[in-house]
């Protein structure tokens, strides 16, 4: 697996985990941070990981895809 697909896989996994926290763990109260807020942060981090992967795929030569 090359670096671009690794970024896509990692970013998508983190984004989906964050989405799950944001949607389904909103009613849970923890002392330090709420899971919904952590989910939003994870979605941002996952999205910022997906974007370079998409860029690398778009910029790759046609023979290496």
N, C-alpha and C. Protein backbone atom coordinates (compact mmCIF):
# COMPACT_ATOMS: atom_id res chain seq x y z
N UNK A 1 0.85 -1.16 0.00
CA UNK A 1 0.00 0.00 0.00
C UNK A 1 0.90 1.24 0.00
N UNK A 2 0.60 2.16 -0.88
CA UNK A 2 1.43 3.35 -0.91
C UNK A 2 0.92 4.40 0.08
N UNK A 3 1.64 5.48 0.15
CA UNK A 3 1.37 6.49 1.16
C UNK A 3 0.01 7.16 0.99
N UNK A 4 -0.40 7.39 -0.25
CA UNK A 4 -1.68 8.06 -0.50
C UNK A 4 -2.85 7.21 0.01
N UNK A 5 -2.84 5.92 -0.29
CA UNK A 5 -3.93 5.07 0.18
C UNK A 5 -3.86 4.85 1.68
N UNK A 6 -2.68 4.89 2.26
CA UNK A 6 -2.55 4.83 3.71
C UNK A 6 -3.19 6.04 4.37
N UNK A 7 -2.96 7.21 3.80
CA UNK A 7 -3.59 8.42 4.32
C UNK A 7 -5.11 8.35 4.21
N UNK A 8 -5.58 7.86 3.07
CA UNK A 8 -7.03 7.74 2.89
C UNK A 8 -7.64 6.77 3.89
N UNK A 9 -7.00 5.64 4.09
CA UNK A 9 -7.52 4.62 5.00
C UNK A 9 -7.51 5.13 6.45
N UNK A 10 -6.42 5.70 6.87
CA UNK A 10 -6.32 6.21 8.24
C UNK A 10 -7.29 7.36 8.46
N UNK A 11 -7.33 8.29 7.53
CA UNK A 11 -8.22 9.44 7.67
C UNK A 11 -9.68 9.05 7.69
N UNK A 12 -10.05 8.10 6.85
CA UNK A 12 -11.44 7.65 6.82
C UNK A 12 -11.82 6.95 8.12
N UNK A 13 -10.92 6.14 8.65
CA UNK A 13 -11.20 5.44 9.91
C UNK A 13 -11.37 6.43 11.06
N UNK A 14 -10.49 7.43 11.14
CA UNK A 14 -10.60 8.42 12.21
C UNK A 14 -11.85 9.27 12.03
N UNK A 15 -12.16 9.63 10.79
CA UNK A 15 -13.35 10.42 10.52
C UNK A 15 -14.62 9.65 10.91
N UNK A 16 -14.68 8.38 10.58
CA UNK A 16 -15.86 7.56 10.93
C UNK A 16 -15.99 7.36 12.44
N UNK A 17 -14.86 7.16 13.12
CA UNK A 17 -14.91 7.03 14.58
C UNK A 17 -15.39 8.33 15.22
N UNK A 18 -14.90 9.45 14.72
CA UNK A 18 -15.35 10.74 15.24
C UNK A 18 -16.82 10.99 14.96
N UNK A 19 -17.28 10.59 13.79
CA UNK A 19 -18.70 10.74 13.46
C UNK A 19 -19.56 9.89 14.39
N UNK A 20 -19.09 8.68 14.69
CA UNK A 20 -19.82 7.82 15.62
C UNK A 20 -19.89 8.43 17.02
N UNK A 21 -18.80 8.99 17.48
CA UNK A 21 -18.82 9.66 18.79
C UNK A 21 -19.77 10.85 18.79
N UNK A 22 -19.71 11.63 17.75
CA UNK A 22 -20.53 12.84 17.68
C UNK A 22 -22.02 12.50 17.63
N UNK A 23 -22.37 11.44 16.88
CA UNK A 23 -23.78 11.09 16.73
C UNK A 23 -24.35 10.33 17.92
N UNK A 24 -23.57 9.41 18.48
CA UNK A 24 -24.16 8.47 19.43
C UNK A 24 -23.70 8.63 20.87
N UNK A 25 -22.73 9.48 21.14
CA UNK A 25 -22.24 9.61 22.52
C UNK A 25 -22.48 11.01 23.07
N UNK A 26 -23.48 11.69 22.55
CA UNK A 26 -23.76 13.06 22.99
C UNK A 26 -24.29 13.14 24.41
N UNK A 27 -24.96 12.12 24.90
CA UNK A 27 -25.55 12.15 26.23
C UNK A 27 -24.62 11.71 27.34
N UNK A 28 -23.42 11.28 27.00
CA UNK A 28 -22.48 10.81 28.01
C UNK A 28 -21.70 12.00 28.57
N UNK A 29 -21.65 12.09 29.90
CA UNK A 29 -20.92 13.19 30.54
C UNK A 29 -19.66 12.65 31.19
N UNK A 30 -18.52 13.15 30.78
CA UNK A 30 -17.24 12.82 31.37
C UNK A 30 -16.68 14.07 32.01
N UNK A 31 -15.83 13.93 33.02
CA UNK A 31 -15.35 15.11 33.74
C UNK A 31 -14.52 16.08 32.89
N UNK A 32 -13.72 15.57 31.99
CA UNK A 32 -12.78 16.45 31.28
C UNK A 32 -13.33 16.97 29.96
N UNK A 33 -13.85 16.09 29.13
CA UNK A 33 -14.33 16.49 27.81
C UNK A 33 -15.52 15.60 27.43
N UNK A 34 -16.47 16.16 26.72
CA UNK A 34 -17.60 15.34 26.28
C UNK A 34 -17.21 14.57 25.02
N UNK A 35 -17.71 13.36 24.87
CA UNK A 35 -17.37 12.58 23.67
C UNK A 35 -17.81 13.25 22.37
N UNK A 36 -18.88 14.03 22.40
CA UNK A 36 -19.32 14.72 21.19
C UNK A 36 -18.27 15.74 20.74
N UNK A 37 -17.68 16.45 21.67
CA UNK A 37 -16.62 17.41 21.32
C UNK A 37 -15.38 16.69 20.80
N UNK A 38 -15.04 15.58 21.43
CA UNK A 38 -13.91 14.78 20.95
C UNK A 38 -14.19 14.23 19.56
N UNK A 39 -15.45 13.89 19.28
CA UNK A 39 -15.82 13.42 17.96
C UNK A 39 -15.63 14.48 16.89
N UNK A 40 -15.96 15.72 17.20
CA UNK A 40 -15.77 16.81 16.24
C UNK A 40 -14.28 17.01 15.96
N UNK A 41 -13.47 16.94 17.00
CA UNK A 41 -12.02 17.09 16.82
C UNK A 41 -11.48 15.93 15.98
N UNK A 42 -11.97 14.72 16.23
CA UNK A 42 -11.52 13.57 15.45
C UNK A 42 -11.96 13.67 13.99
N UNK A 43 -13.16 14.21 13.74
CA UNK A 43 -13.60 14.38 12.35
C UNK A 43 -12.71 15.39 11.63
N UNK A 44 -12.33 16.45 12.31
CA UNK A 44 -11.43 17.44 11.70
C UNK A 44 -10.06 16.82 11.41
N UNK A 45 -9.55 16.04 12.36
CA UNK A 45 -8.25 15.39 12.16
C UNK A 45 -8.33 14.36 11.03
N UNK A 46 -9.40 13.61 10.97
CA UNK A 46 -9.57 12.63 9.90
C UNK A 46 -9.68 13.29 8.53
N UNK A 47 -10.42 14.38 8.47
CA UNK A 47 -10.54 15.12 7.22
C UNK A 47 -9.23 15.71 6.76
N UNK A 48 -8.44 16.18 7.73
CA UNK A 48 -7.14 16.74 7.36
C UNK A 48 -6.16 15.63 6.96
N UNK A 49 -6.44 14.41 7.29
CA UNK A 49 -5.61 13.28 6.84
C UNK A 49 -6.05 12.78 5.46
N UNK A 50 -7.34 12.88 5.18
CA UNK A 50 -7.87 12.43 3.89
C UNK A 50 -7.43 13.37 2.77
N UNK A 51 -7.43 14.65 3.02
CA UNK A 51 -7.11 15.62 1.96
C UNK A 51 -5.73 15.42 1.34
N UNK A 52 -4.66 15.23 2.10
CA UNK A 52 -3.37 14.96 1.45
C UNK A 52 -3.36 13.65 0.66
N UNK A 53 -4.11 12.66 1.13
CA UNK A 53 -4.20 11.41 0.39
C UNK A 53 -4.87 11.61 -0.96
N UNK A 54 -5.94 12.37 -0.97
CA UNK A 54 -6.61 12.66 -2.24
C UNK A 54 -5.72 13.47 -3.17
N UNK A 55 -4.98 14.41 -2.59
CA UNK A 55 -4.06 15.22 -3.39
C UNK A 55 -2.96 14.34 -4.00
N UNK A 56 -2.41 13.43 -3.21
CA UNK A 56 -1.36 12.56 -3.72
C UNK A 56 -1.88 11.63 -4.82
N UNK A 57 -3.10 11.17 -4.68
CA UNK A 57 -3.67 10.32 -5.72
C UNK A 57 -3.90 11.13 -7.00
N UNK A 58 -4.38 12.35 -6.86
CA UNK A 58 -4.64 13.18 -8.03
C UNK A 58 -3.35 13.58 -8.74
N UNK A 59 -2.27 13.76 -8.00
CA UNK A 59 -1.00 14.20 -8.59
C UNK A 59 -0.11 13.05 -9.05
N UNK A 60 -0.48 11.82 -8.74
CA UNK A 60 0.35 10.67 -9.12
C UNK A 60 0.30 10.47 -10.63
N UNK A 61 1.40 10.04 -11.21
CA UNK A 61 1.38 9.73 -12.64
C UNK A 61 0.42 8.58 -12.93
N UNK A 62 -0.11 8.55 -14.12
CA UNK A 62 -1.13 7.55 -14.47
C UNK A 62 -0.60 6.12 -14.38
N UNK A 63 0.67 5.89 -14.61
CA UNK A 63 1.22 4.55 -14.56
C UNK A 63 1.34 3.98 -13.17
N UNK A 64 1.41 4.80 -12.13
CA UNK A 64 1.60 4.30 -10.77
C UNK A 64 0.30 4.07 -10.03
N UNK A 65 -0.83 4.32 -10.65
CA UNK A 65 -2.12 4.13 -9.97
C UNK A 65 -2.50 2.73 -10.01
